[in-house]
Structure formats: C-alpha cells, structure tokens
Amino acid sequence: MKKRAVIALGGNALIKKGQKGTIYEQFANTRESCRSIVQMVKEEWDVVITHGNGPQVGALVLQNQKAKDITPEMPLGICVAESEGLIGYMIQQCLLNALKREHIDKAVIAFITQVIVDPNDPSLTNPTKPIGPYYREDEAFTMLKQGYKMTRLPRGWRMVVPSPDPVRIVEGEIIRKMLDDDIIVIASGGGGMPVIEKEGWGLDGLEAVIDKDLAAERLAEAVGAQVLLILTDIEKVYLHYNTPKQIPLRKVTYNDLKEYYLSSEFPPGNMGPKILAALRFLEFGGERVIISNIEQGWEALQGKTGTEIIRA
C-alpha cells in the first residue's frame, strides 16, 4: 500500500533571506523545493502539498494600502485567498514541469481551501500573528493611527493579525478522494481561508490568517497521512536555539517533545506552531513528523538529516 504524506513548505523558504521577493526569485525557489517532492512521487508516495504565505500576503496587504485611492482596498481574507492562488500556481507549474522531465505523467491541482475555526477563538480579539514587511518606527506610528495593529520586533515593526486555531478542513473529503485517484493536490495554502459556520446561513469568511503548520496537521488528519513533513529554513529543531547552548534534536519521542514544549522551549511565533502540529499529528495517530530545511526534504525523509519525531 502506498504511503501518504502532507508536505508543508514554509512561506519564508520561498523568499530566502536577503531576497526582495520578486516573482523570479520565488519561481526559482519553488523549482528548488520541487526536488524532494519529485523524489517522493518516484518512490510511490501519495503527496499533498501545503505552504505558508506570510511574506506574500503581507505584500498583498501593503499593495492594497498603497493603491486604495485608486482602486477599492481588498480585506485581509481576500488577500489570503489571492496568496493561496498565486503560490499554488507557482508550485503547480513548477512541479508539473519537474515531473515531466522525469517522464512521470501525473495530474497536479491547486485547490482553494476553506478551514473551519471557532468563532469564539481568543485570537480574533487579540491579534498576534505578524505578517508582511518590517516598518520603521515613524511608518508604524502612522499605521497605528490608521487603525492597524502593530508590534515591535527586533528587526522593526510589523502588522499583526488574528490567527485562530484551525478546527477542520472543509474540503478534506474531496482532497482525500483526489489523492485516491492518484492526483497530487496543493491545498490549504497559507493555512487556508478561515471561515466560521453560521446557523441558517452557512460559511462566512474572517479577516484572519491561520498558521500554516497547524492547518497542515488538520489536512494530514483529513487525508489519512502517515507522515507530516515540515520544510522550513533550518535543518533541524534545536533546544536553546540561537544561544551558545543550542542542541540539535536528531530523533525525539512524543513524550520528550511534549515536555520541551510545555516548558516553553519553542517560541510561539517561530518553532512553537510546528512543534504543536507535530504533537497533534502523533496524538491523532500519525506515524512520524519530520522537520528540516526545504533543500533537504528528501534526505530528511530518509533519515539522513533533519529532526524526526516519533510516537515512542
């Protein structure tokens, strides 16, 4: 029986440090990210691909701000859907081309995905998720006066938006059926579109951004994946990260990782959501979670690098 994996590509991995984020840079980085995916397909893995969108959705919000006197400004929820489409298009085209070069005839589809959240999620009234570029203090002050929520970080000021916890993938069953039909699916991009269920109405979108890794875990549950592969911009997970005492984690059990997580070892705005996603996936019944950098995904899946998290 073929194994099934959800591959979560970090949004920051598609725009590397020092790059401006031009479409040419993003396409080049996307082509690089397809290498591991092609190797998995060649080895008879069913794969669902999801991706972050922090830099991209932030850029779209900024473009809307700058052009609001010329054309109607689109809300954050619509910008999330736009980013899901544009990144999905890049992955879809690059992956199709990479598969064709390997003489692999498989369909690839990018799927706009809605994700149910709790309407009473505390994040909706307490925005904490940074998105977009960094601003100078004078720029941030102007934006605060305009009603934007801002936070000061070591590199400058950034916008913060609500980031509710994902509950369920609306299109999960459809995505699972496409996988069963041997289609490669790109879904839940940027965490998917956050929606709530209204009695007598149906689904209604929110002005928020869902964490990509937490949504990837819900997606993995929905499609019955055995492996969750989280690819970001670091090779391994570290204890005491970015300090003289940092220790790489090569292989770690669920119980040990949970203990580290509960002791606040992993920052909520960085590695924290990835670790929480890993714990949830193993609790659900997943076999293993692998965290590594986007250039070495295939090697990490084979156990040659990265951090592997197992149940026991």
C-alpha atoms as a PDB file:
ATOM      1  CA  MET A   1       0.000   0.000   0.000  1.00  0.00           C
ATOM      2  CA  LYS A   2       1.311   3.459  -0.919  1.00  0.00           C
ATOM      3  CA  LYS A   3       2.286   5.757   1.922  1.00  0.00           C
ATOM      4  CA  ARG A   4       0.724   9.198   2.170  1.00  0.00           C
ATOM      5  CA  ALA A   5       2.394  12.416   3.313  1.00  0.00           C
ATOM      6  CA  VAL A   6       1.488  16.045   3.780  1.00  0.00           C
ATOM      7  CA  ILE A   7       4.403  18.316   2.827  1.00  0.00           C
ATOM      8  CA  ALA A   8       4.312  21.784   4.397  1.00  0.00           C
ATOM      9  CA  LEU A   9       6.529  24.335   2.641  1.00  0.00           C
ATOM     10  CA  GLY A  10       7.387  27.436   4.662  1.00  0.00           C
ATOM     11  CA  GLY A  11       6.424  30.766   3.101  1.00  0.00           C
ATOM     12  CA  ASN A  12       9.775  32.215   4.164  1.00  0.00           C
ATOM     13  CA  ALA A  13      11.512  29.334   2.396  1.00  0.00           C
ATOM     14  CA  LEU A  14      10.042  30.564  -0.904  1.00  0.00           C
ATOM     15  CA  ILE A  15      11.571  34.001  -0.297  1.00  0.00           C
ATOM     16  CA  LYS A  16      15.055  33.461   1.075  1.00  0.00           C
ATOM     17  CA  LYS A  17      16.930  35.754   3.420  1.00  0.00           C
ATOM     18  CA  GLY A  18      18.312  38.769   1.588  1.00  0.00           C
ATOM     19  CA  GLN A  19      15.930  38.442  -1.379  1.00  0.00           C
ATOM     20  CA  LYS A  20      13.389  41.088  -2.359  1.00  0.00           C
ATOM     21  CA  GLY A  21      10.708  38.549  -3.147  1.00  0.00           C
ATOM     22  CA  THR A  22      10.424  39.155  -6.883  1.00  0.00           C
ATOM     23  CA  ILE A  23       8.350  36.638  -8.791  1.00  0.00           C
ATOM     24  CA  TYR A  24      11.537  35.400 -10.499  1.00  0.00           C
ATOM     25  CA  GLU A  25      13.167  34.674  -7.128  1.00  0.00           C
ATOM     26  CA  GLN A  26      10.033  32.932  -5.886  1.00  0.00           C
ATOM     27  CA  PHE A  27       9.771  30.765  -9.002  1.00  0.00           C
ATOM     28  CA  ALA A  28      13.446  29.789  -8.688  1.00  0.00           C
ATOM     29  CA  ASN A  29      12.965  28.832  -5.033  1.00  0.00           C
ATOM     30  CA  THR A  30       9.784  26.925  -5.869  1.00  0.00           C
ATOM     31  CA  ARG A  31      11.595  24.920  -8.535  1.00  0.00           C
ATOM     32  CA  GLU A  32      14.219  24.015  -5.930  1.00  0.00           C
ATOM     33  CA  SER A  33      11.533  22.919  -3.465  1.00  0.00           C
ATOM     34  CA  CYS A  34      10.059  20.504  -6.028  1.00  0.00           C
ATOM     35  CA  ARG A  35      13.145  18.269  -5.995  1.00  0.00           C
ATOM     36  CA  SER A  36      12.168  16.418  -2.817  1.00  0.00           C
ATOM     37  CA  ILE A  37       8.544  16.144  -3.919  1.00  0.00           C
ATOM     38  CA  VAL A  38       9.532  14.538  -7.237  1.00  0.00           C
ATOM     39  CA  GLN A  39      11.722  12.021  -5.399  1.00  0.00           C
ATOM     40  CA  MET A  40       8.792  11.063  -3.173  1.00  0.00           C
ATOM     41  CA  VAL A  41       6.482  10.631  -6.169  1.00  0.00           C
ATOM     42  CA  LYS A  42       9.099   8.428  -7.855  1.00  0.00           C
ATOM     43  CA  GLU A  43       9.136   6.275  -4.718  1.00  0.00           C
ATOM     44  CA  GLU A  44       5.351   5.825  -4.895  1.00  0.00           C
ATOM     45  CA  TRP A  45       4.280   8.288  -2.207  1.00  0.00           C
ATOM     46  CA  ASP A  46       0.886   9.990  -2.358  1.00  0.00           C
ATOM     47  CA  VAL A  47       1.522  13.637  -1.504  1.00  0.00           C
ATOM     48  CA  VAL A  48      -0.480  16.679  -0.547  1.00  0.00           C
ATOM     49  CA  ILE A  49       1.444  19.947  -0.577  1.00  0.00           C
ATOM     50  CA  THR A  50       0.642  22.951   1.551  1.00  0.00           C
ATOM     51  CA  HIS A  51       2.594  26.168   2.001  1.00  0.00           C
ATOM     52  CA  GLY A  52       3.000  29.297   4.068  1.00  0.00           C
ATOM     53  CA  ASN A  53       2.119  32.774   2.824  1.00  0.00           C
ATOM     54  CA  GLY A  54       3.372  35.240   5.444  1.00  0.00           C
ATOM     55  CA  PRO A  55       5.615  37.346   3.173  1.00  0.00           C
ATOM     56  CA  GLN A  56       3.241  37.096   0.204  1.00  0.00           C
ATOM     57  CA  VAL A  57       0.004  38.003   1.978  1.00  0.00           C
ATOM     58  CA  GLY A  58       1.804  40.845   3.724  1.00  0.00           C
ATOM     59  CA  ALA A  59       2.944  42.178   0.352  1.00  0.00           C
ATOM     60  CA  LEU A  60      -0.624  41.992  -0.978  1.00  0.00           C
ATOM     61  CA  VAL A  61      -1.942  43.908   2.041  1.00  0.00           C
ATOM     62  CA  LEU A  62       0.754  46.545   1.501  1.00  0.00           C
ATOM     63  CA  GLN A  63      -0.090  46.838  -2.223  1.00  0.00           C
ATOM     64  CA  ASN A  64      -3.738  47.321  -1.309  1.00  0.00           C
ATOM     65  CA  GLN A  65      -2.821  50.020   1.192  1.00  0.00           C
ATOM     66  CA  LYS A  66      -0.745  51.935  -1.343  1.00  0.00           C
ATOM     67  CA  ALA A  67      -3.377  51.746  -4.089  1.00  0.00           C
ATOM     68  CA  LYS A  68      -6.519  52.340  -2.013  1.00  0.00           C
ATOM     69  CA  ASP A  69      -7.033  55.819  -3.502  1.00  0.00           C
ATOM     70  CA  ILE A  70      -7.043  54.311  -6.997  1.00  0.00           C
ATOM     71  CA  THR A  71      -8.933  51.026  -6.576  1.00  0.00           C
ATOM     72  CA  PRO A  72     -11.054  49.579  -3.721  1.00  0.00           C
ATOM     73  CA  GLU A  73      -8.927  48.059  -0.956  1.00  0.00           C
ATOM     74  CA  MET A  74      -9.419  44.315  -0.516  1.00  0.00           C
ATOM     75  CA  PRO A  75      -9.728  42.931   3.047  1.00  0.00           C
ATOM     76  CA  LEU A  76      -7.244  40.529   4.593  1.00  0.00           C
ATOM     77  CA  GLY A  77      -9.391  37.450   3.958  1.00  0.00           C
ATOM     78  CA  ILE A  78      -9.406  38.120   0.220  1.00  0.00           C
ATOM     79  CA  CYS A  79      -5.638  38.704   0.259  1.00  0.00           C
ATOM     80  CA  VAL A  80      -5.221  35.265   1.883  1.00  0.00           C
ATOM     81  CA  ALA A  81      -7.184  33.696  -0.995  1.00  0.00           C
ATOM     82  CA  GLU A  82      -5.114  35.650  -3.555  1.00  0.00           C
ATOM     83  CA  SER A  83      -1.856  34.443  -1.990  1.00  0.00           C
ATOM     84  CA  GLU A  84      -3.170  30.877  -1.913  1.00  0.00           C
ATOM     85  CA  GLY A  85      -3.846  31.132  -5.631  1.00  0.00           C
ATOM     86  CA  LEU A  86      -0.562  32.742  -6.675  1.00  0.00           C
ATOM     87  CA  ILE A  87       1.666  30.387  -4.666  1.00  0.00           C
ATOM     88  CA  GLY A  88      -0.438  27.391  -5.667  1.00  0.00           C
ATOM     89  CA  TYR A  89       0.033  28.369  -9.307  1.00  0.00           C
ATOM     90  CA  MET A  90       3.814  28.540  -8.900  1.00  0.00           C
ATOM     91  CA  ILE A  91       4.005  25.138  -7.210  1.00  0.00           C
ATOM     92  CA  GLN A  92       1.582  23.566  -9.670  1.00  0.00           C
ATOM     93  CA  GLN A  93       3.525  24.731 -12.738  1.00  0.00           C
ATOM     94  CA  CYS A  94       6.989  24.011 -11.341  1.00  0.00           C
ATOM     95  CA  LEU A  95       6.006  20.554 -10.116  1.00  0.00           C
ATOM     96  CA  LEU A  96       4.304  19.622 -13.392  1.00  0.00           C
ATOM     97  CA  ASN A  97       7.449  20.638 -15.287  1.00  0.00           C
ATOM     98  CA  ALA A  98       9.709  18.714 -12.895  1.00  0.00           C
ATOM     99  CA  LEU A  99       7.568  15.578 -13.195  1.00  0.00           C
ATOM    100  CA  LYS A 100       7.526  15.854 -16.979  1.00  0.00           C
ATOM    101  CA  ARG A 101      11.334  15.944 -17.056  1.00  0.00           C
ATOM    102  CA  GLU A 102      11.293  12.657 -15.127  1.00  0.00           C
ATOM    103  CA  HIS A 103       8.715  11.212 -17.565  1.00  0.00           C
ATOM    104  CA  ILE A 104       6.101  10.975 -14.805  1.00  0.00           C
ATOM    105  CA  ASP A 105       2.559  11.544 -16.017  1.00  0.00           C
ATOM    106  CA  LYS A 106       0.544  12.741 -13.023  1.00  0.00           C
ATOM    107  CA  ALA A 107      -2.063  15.455 -12.590  1.00  0.00           C
ATOM    108  CA  VAL A 108      -1.339  18.308 -10.175  1.00  0.00           C
ATOM    109  CA  ILE A 109      -4.069  20.642  -8.939  1.00  0.00           C
ATOM    110  CA  ALA A 110      -4.001  23.727  -6.705  1.00  0.00           C
ATOM    111  CA  PHE A 111      -7.131  23.818  -4.544  1.00  0.00           C
ATOM    112  CA  ILE A 112      -8.510  26.887  -2.766  1.00  0.00           C
ATOM    113  CA  THR A 113      -9.310  25.535   0.688  1.00  0.00           C
ATOM    114  CA  GLN A 114     -11.586  26.739   3.483  1.00  0.00           C
ATOM    115  CA  VAL A 115     -10.800  25.940   7.116  1.00  0.00           C
ATOM    116  CA  ILE A 116     -13.346  25.988   9.931  1.00  0.00           C
ATOM    117  CA  VAL A 117     -12.360  27.956  13.050  1.00  0.00           C
ATOM    118  CA  ASP A 118     -14.139  28.616  16.327  1.00  0.00           C
ATOM    119  CA  PRO A 119     -15.972  31.996  16.232  1.00  0.00           C
ATOM    120  CA  ASN A 120     -15.034  32.421  19.917  1.00  0.00           C
ATOM    121  CA  ASP A 121     -11.319  31.818  19.362  1.00  0.00           C
ATOM    122  CA  PRO A 122      -9.499  34.350  21.622  1.00  0.00           C
ATOM    123  CA  SER A 123      -7.104  35.269  18.825  1.00  0.00           C
ATOM    124  CA  LEU A 124      -9.933  37.002  16.942  1.00  0.00           C
ATOM    125  CA  THR A 125      -9.980  39.760  19.563  1.00  0.00           C
ATOM    126  CA  ASN A 126      -6.255  39.630  20.358  1.00  0.00           C
ATOM    127  CA  PRO A 127      -4.213  39.696  17.109  1.00  0.00           C
ATOM    128  CA  THR A 128      -0.702  38.264  17.495  1.00  0.00           C
ATOM    129  CA  LYS A 129       0.346  36.881  14.070  1.00  0.00           C
ATOM    130  CA  PRO A 130       3.000  39.059  12.345  1.00  0.00           C
ATOM    131  CA  ILE A 131       2.653  39.369   8.568  1.00  0.00           C
ATOM    132  CA  GLY A 132       4.229  41.419   5.822  1.00  0.00           C
ATOM    133  CA  PRO A 133       7.354  43.580   5.745  1.00  0.00           C
ATOM    134  CA  TYR A 134       9.152  45.346   8.563  1.00  0.00           C
ATOM    135  CA  TYR A 135       8.405  49.053   9.083  1.00  0.00           C
ATOM    136  CA  ARG A 136      10.361  51.932  10.559  1.00  0.00           C
ATOM    137  CA  GLU A 137       9.016  53.433  13.760  1.00  0.00           C
ATOM    138  CA  ASP A 138       7.566  56.506  12.016  1.00  0.00           C
ATOM    139  CA  GLU A 139       5.820  54.302   9.433  1.00  0.00           C
ATOM    140  CA  ALA A 140       4.447  52.043  12.165  1.00  0.00           C
ATOM    141  CA  PHE A 141       3.135  55.053  14.106  1.00  0.00           C
ATOM    142  CA  THR A 142       1.259  56.265  11.026  1.00  0.00           C
ATOM    143  CA  MET A 143      -0.248  52.821  10.524  1.00  0.00           C
ATOM    144  CA  LEU A 144      -1.283  52.651  14.188  1.00  0.00           C
ATOM    145  CA  LYS A 145      -3.158  55.931  13.721  1.00  0.00           C
ATOM    146  CA  GLN A 146      -4.845  54.416  10.662  1.00  0.00           C
ATOM    147  CA  GLY A 147      -6.168  51.549  12.777  1.00  0.00           C
ATOM    148  CA  TYR A 148      -3.674  48.780  12.005  1.00  0.00           C
ATOM    149  CA  LYS A 149      -2.451  46.558  14.826  1.00  0.00           C
ATOM    150  CA  MET A 150       1.349  46.668  15.057  1.00  0.00           C
ATOM    151  CA  THR A 151       4.047  45.015  17.148  1.00  0.00           C
ATOM    152  CA  ARG A 152       7.679  45.887  17.748  1.00  0.00           C
ATOM    153  CA  LEU A 153      10.157  43.097  16.923  1.00  0.00           C
ATOM    154  CA  PRO A 154      13.997  43.059  16.996  1.00  0.00           C
ATOM    155  CA  ARG A 155      14.187  43.947  13.280  1.00  0.00           C
ATOM    156  CA  GLY A 156      11.473  46.599  13.338  1.00  0.00           C
ATOM    157  CA  TRP A 157       7.693  46.913  13.387  1.00  0.00           C
ATOM    158  CA  ARG A 158       5.238  44.529  11.691  1.00  0.00           C
ATOM    159  CA  MET A 159       1.494  44.279  11.297  1.00  0.00           C
ATOM    160  CA  VAL A 160      -0.229  41.686  13.470  1.00  0.00           C
ATOM    161  CA  VAL A 161      -3.498  39.974  12.591  1.00  0.00           C
ATOM    162  CA  PRO A 162      -5.770  37.374  14.213  1.00  0.00           C
ATOM    163  CA  SER A 163      -4.611  33.760  13.857  1.00  0.00           C
ATOM    164  CA  PRO A 164      -7.360  31.396  15.065  1.00  0.00           C
ATOM    165  CA  ASP A 165      -6.732  27.712  15.668  1.00  0.00           C
ATOM    166  CA  PRO A 166      -7.907  25.511  12.765  1.00  0.00           C
ATOM    167  CA  VAL A 167     -10.663  23.015  13.600  1.00  0.00           C
ATOM    168  CA  ARG A 168     -11.476  21.213  10.343  1.00  0.00           C
ATOM    169  CA  ILE A 169     -10.706  21.321   6.605  1.00  0.00           C
ATOM    170  CA  VAL A 170     -13.995  21.965   4.784  1.00  0.00           C
ATOM    171  CA  GLU A 171     -12.872  20.260   1.567  1.00  0.00           C
ATOM    172  CA  GLY A 172     -10.970  17.469   3.338  1.00  0.00           C
ATOM    173  CA  GLU A 173     -13.043  14.615   1.905  1.00  0.00           C
ATOM    174  CA  ILE A 174     -12.758  15.970  -1.651  1.00  0.00           C
ATOM    175  CA  ILE A 175      -8.980  16.254  -1.299  1.00  0.00           C
ATOM    176  CA  ARG A 176      -8.811  12.683   0.015  1.00  0.00           C
ATOM    177  CA  LYS A 177     -10.779  11.422  -2.991  1.00  0.00           C
ATOM    178  CA  MET A 178      -8.427  13.218  -5.388  1.00  0.00           C
ATOM    179  CA  LEU A 179      -5.471  11.540  -3.705  1.00  0.00           C
ATOM    180  CA  ASP A 180      -7.209   8.190  -4.066  1.00  0.00           C
ATOM    181  CA  ASP A 181      -7.474   8.982  -7.788  1.00  0.00           C
ATOM    182  CA  ASP A 182      -3.674   9.466  -7.951  1.00  0.00           C
ATOM    183  CA  ILE A 183      -3.818  13.273  -8.213  1.00  0.00           C
ATOM    184  CA  ILE A 184      -1.192  15.429  -6.468  1.00  0.00           C
ATOM    185  CA  VAL A 185      -3.027  18.142  -4.537  1.00  0.00           C
ATOM    186  CA  ILE A 186      -1.817  21.563  -3.368  1.00  0.00           C
ATOM    187  CA  ALA A 187      -4.235  22.578  -0.616  1.00  0.00           C
ATOM    188  CA  SER A 188      -4.772  24.714   2.463  1.00  0.00           C
ATOM    189  CA  GLY A 189      -2.159  27.202   1.255  1.00  0.00           C
ATOM    190  CA  GLY A 190      -1.261  29.861   3.798  1.00  0.00           C
ATOM    191  CA  GLY A 191      -3.329  27.910   6.312  1.00  0.00           C
ATOM    192  CA  GLY A 192      -6.395  28.114   4.079  1.00  0.00           C
ATOM    193  CA  MET A 193      -9.268  30.571   4.197  1.00  0.00           C
ATOM    194  CA  PRO A 194     -10.547  30.909   7.790  1.00  0.00           C
ATOM    195  CA  VAL A 195     -14.325  30.535   7.925  1.00  0.00           C
ATOM    196  CA  ILE A 196     -16.983  30.083  10.588  1.00  0.00           C
ATOM    197  CA  GLU A 197     -20.239  28.163  10.363  1.00  0.00           C
ATOM    198  CA  LYS A 198     -23.354  30.300  10.858  1.00  0.00           C
ATOM    199  CA  GLU A 199     -26.609  28.571  11.639  1.00  0.00           C
ATOM    200  CA  GLY A 200     -29.157  29.183   8.902  1.00  0.00           C
ATOM    201  CA  TRP A 201     -26.526  30.856   6.728  1.00  0.00           C
ATOM    202  CA  GLY A 202     -23.586  28.581   6.036  1.00  0.00           C
ATOM    203  CA  LEU A 203     -19.934  29.538   5.835  1.00  0.00           C
ATOM    204  CA  ASP A 204     -18.682  33.077   6.369  1.00  0.00           C
ATOM    205  CA  GLY A 205     -15.086  34.273   5.943  1.00  0.00           C
ATOM    206  CA  LEU A 206     -12.996  36.067   8.560  1.00  0.00           C
ATOM    207  CA  GLU A 207     -10.272  38.692   8.436  1.00  0.00           C
ATOM    208  CA  ALA A 208      -7.546  36.442   9.800  1.00  0.00           C
ATOM    209  CA  VAL A 209      -4.616  34.185   8.886  1.00  0.00           C
ATOM    210  CA  ILE A 210      -4.376  30.569  10.066  1.00  0.00           C
ATOM    211  CA  ASP A 211      -0.975  29.173  10.947  1.00  0.00           C
ATOM    212  CA  LYS A 212       0.190  27.019   8.031  1.00  0.00           C
ATOM    213  CA  ASP A 213       1.666  24.222  10.142  1.00  0.00           C
ATOM    214  CA  LEU A 214      -1.414  23.823  12.333  1.00  0.00           C
ATOM    215  CA  ALA A 215      -3.600  23.744   9.232  1.00  0.00           C
ATOM    216  CA  ALA A 216      -1.217  21.222   7.618  1.00  0.00           C
ATOM    217  CA  GLU A 217      -1.787  18.926  10.605  1.00  0.00           C
ATOM    218  CA  ARG A 218      -5.584  19.144  10.199  1.00  0.00           C
ATOM    219  CA  LEU A 219      -5.090  18.417   6.499  1.00  0.00           C
ATOM    220  CA  ALA A 220      -2.971  15.373   7.366  1.00  0.00           C
ATOM    221  CA  GLU A 221      -5.783  14.114   9.602  1.00  0.00           C
ATOM    222  CA  ALA A 222      -8.355  14.656   6.841  1.00  0.00           C
ATOM    223  CA  VAL A 223      -6.450  12.676   4.192  1.00  0.00           C
ATOM    224  CA  GLY A 224      -5.188   9.895   6.456  1.00  0.00           C
ATOM    225  CA  ALA A 225      -1.477  10.695   6.070  1.00  0.00           C
ATOM    226  CA  GLN A 226       1.184   8.624   7.818  1.00  0.00           C
ATOM    227  CA  VAL A 227       3.860  11.325   7.641  1.00  0.00           C
ATOM    228  CA  LEU A 228       3.863  15.091   8.148  1.00  0.00           C
ATOM    229  CA  LEU A 229       6.943  16.646   6.510  1.00  0.00           C
ATOM    230  CA  ILE A 230       7.517  20.266   7.564  1.00  0.00           C
ATOM    231  CA  LEU A 231      10.116  22.043   5.425  1.00  0.00           C
ATOM    232  CA  THR A 232      11.350  25.431   6.561  1.00  0.00           C
ATOM    233  CA  ASP A 233      14.608  27.424   6.578  1.00  0.00           C
ATOM    234  CA  ILE A 234      16.528  25.452   9.241  1.00  0.00           C
ATOM    235  CA  GLU A 235      18.000  21.959   9.006  1.00  0.00           C
ATOM    236  CA  LYS A 236      16.981  20.710  12.460  1.00  0.00           C
ATOM    237  CA  VAL A 237      14.971  21.643  15.542  1.00  0.00           C
ATOM    238  CA  TYR A 238      17.168  22.951  18.355  1.00  0.00           C
ATOM    239  CA  LEU A 239      16.858  23.272  22.092  1.00  0.00           C
ATOM    240  CA  HIS A 240      18.058  26.686  23.353  1.00  0.00           C
ATOM    241  CA  TYR A 241      18.018  27.876  19.735  1.00  0.00           C
ATOM    242  CA  ASN A 242      20.363  30.704  18.751  1.00  0.00           C
ATOM    243  CA  THR A 243      22.260  30.619  22.044  1.00  0.00           C
ATOM    244  CA  PRO A 244      25.714  29.236  22.884  1.00  0.00           C
ATOM    245  CA  LYS A 245      23.926  26.245  24.481  1.00  0.00           C
ATOM    246  CA  GLN A 246      21.847  25.253  21.445  1.00  0.00           C
ATOM    247  CA  ILE A 247      21.458  21.487  20.967  1.00  0.00           C
ATOM    248  CA  PRO A 248      20.156  19.885  17.754  1.00  0.00           C
ATOM    249  CA  LEU A 249      17.388  17.312  18.085  1.00  0.00           C
ATOM    250  CA  ARG A 250      18.043  14.401  15.725  1.00  0.00           C
ATOM    251  CA  LYS A 251      15.365  11.943  16.813  1.00  0.00           C
ATOM    252  CA  VAL A 252      12.895  12.634  19.594  1.00  0.00           C
ATOM    253  CA  THR A 253       9.844  10.898  21.032  1.00  0.00           C
ATOM    254  CA  TYR A 254       6.413  12.404  21.506  1.00  0.00           C
ATOM    255  CA  ASN A 255       6.749  12.377  25.307  1.00  0.00           C
ATOM    256  CA  ASP A 256      10.114  14.143  25.328  1.00  0.00           C
ATOM    257  CA  LEU A 257       8.981  16.723  22.785  1.00  0.00           C
ATOM    258  CA  LYS A 258       5.803  17.431  24.749  1.00  0.00           C
ATOM    259  CA  GLU A 259       7.895  18.035  27.858  1.00  0.00           C
ATOM    260  CA  TYR A 260      10.111  20.507  25.963  1.00  0.00           C
ATOM    261  CA  TYR A 261       7.037  22.229  24.517  1.00  0.00           C
ATOM    262  CA  LEU A 262       5.296  22.614  27.890  1.00  0.00           C
ATOM    263  CA  SER A 263       8.485  24.108  29.347  1.00  0.00           C
ATOM    264  CA  SER A 264       8.223  26.943  26.759  1.00  0.00           C
ATOM    265  CA  GLU A 265      11.302  25.775  24.875  1.00  0.00           C
ATOM    266  CA  PHE A 266       9.875  26.761  21.471  1.00  0.00           C
ATOM    267  CA  PRO A 267       8.813  30.375  20.697  1.00  0.00           C
ATOM    268  CA  PRO A 268       5.126  30.764  19.734  1.00  0.00           C
ATOM    269  CA  GLY A 269       5.934  32.916  16.699  1.00  0.00           C
ATOM    270  CA  ASN A 270       8.568  30.595  15.250  1.00  0.00           C
ATOM    271  CA  MET A 271       9.054  26.901  16.044  1.00  0.00           C
ATOM    272  CA  GLY A 272       6.164  26.664  18.502  1.00  0.00           C
ATOM    273  CA  PRO A 273       3.343  26.029  15.980  1.00  0.00           C
ATOM    274  CA  LYS A 274       5.446  23.394  14.183  1.00  0.00           C
ATOM    275  CA  ILE A 275       6.002  21.506  17.425  1.00  0.00           C
ATOM    276  CA  LEU A 276       2.330  21.786  18.382  1.00  0.00           C
ATOM    277  CA  ALA A 277       1.373  20.482  14.932  1.00  0.00           C
ATOM    278  CA  ALA A 278       3.762  17.543  15.407  1.00  0.00           C
ATOM    279  CA  LEU A 279       2.296  16.667  18.802  1.00  0.00           C
ATOM    280  CA  ARG A 280      -1.277  16.840  17.489  1.00  0.00           C
ATOM    281  CA  PHE A 281      -0.466  14.676  14.483  1.00  0.00           C
ATOM    282  CA  LEU A 282       1.070  11.933  16.613  1.00  0.00           C
ATOM    283  CA  GLU A 283      -1.837  12.143  19.065  1.00  0.00           C
ATOM    284  CA  PHE A 284      -4.210  11.657  16.132  1.00  0.00           C
ATOM    285  CA  GLY A 285      -2.378   8.508  15.062  1.00  0.00           C
ATOM    286  CA  GLY A 286       0.239   9.694  12.587  1.00  0.00           C
ATOM    287  CA  GLU A 287       3.422   7.642  12.378  1.00  0.00           C
ATOM    288  CA  ARG A 288       6.078  10.350  12.325  1.00  0.00           C
ATOM    289  CA  VAL A 289       6.809  14.025  11.780  1.00  0.00           C
ATOM    290  CA  ILE A 290       9.964  15.292  10.092  1.00  0.00           C
ATOM    291  CA  ILE A 291      11.188  18.890  10.290  1.00  0.00           C
ATOM    292  CA  SER A 292      14.067  20.072   8.110  1.00  0.00           C
ATOM    293  CA  ASN A 293      15.022  22.665   5.529  1.00  0.00           C
ATOM    294  CA  ILE A 294      13.450  22.936   2.128  1.00  0.00           C
ATOM    295  CA  GLU A 295      16.627  21.937   0.273  1.00  0.00           C
ATOM    296  CA  GLN A 296      16.986  18.595   2.086  1.00  0.00           C
ATOM    297  CA  GLY A 297      13.442  17.291   2.381  1.00  0.00           C
ATOM    298  CA  TRP A 298      14.133  14.010   0.613  1.00  0.00           C
ATOM    299  CA  GLU A 299      17.270  13.368   2.655  1.00  0.00           C
ATOM    300  CA  ALA A 300      15.369  14.148   5.869  1.00  0.00           C
ATOM    301  CA  LEU A 301      12.602  11.704   4.914  1.00  0.00           C
ATOM    302  CA  GLN A 302      15.297   9.034   4.528  1.00  0.00           C
ATOM    303  CA  GLY A 303      16.717   9.803   7.980  1.00  0.00           C
ATOM    304  CA  LYS A 304      19.931  11.414   6.762  1.00  0.00           C
ATOM    305  CA  THR A 305      19.265  14.844   8.292  1.00  0.00           C
ATOM    306  CA  GLY A 306      16.534  16.882   9.949  1.00  0.00           C
ATOM    307  CA  THR A 307      14.573  16.169  13.133  1.00  0.00           C
ATOM    308  CA  GLU A 308      12.366  13.079  13.280  1.00  0.00           C
ATOM    309  CA  ILE A 309       9.572  12.906  15.859  1.00  0.00           C
ATOM    310  CA  ILE A 310       8.027   9.526  16.642  1.00  0.00           C
ATOM    311  CA  ARG A 311       5.333   8.267  18.999  1.00  0.00           C
ATOM    312  CA  ALA A 312       7.572   6.086  21.203  1.00  0.00           C
END
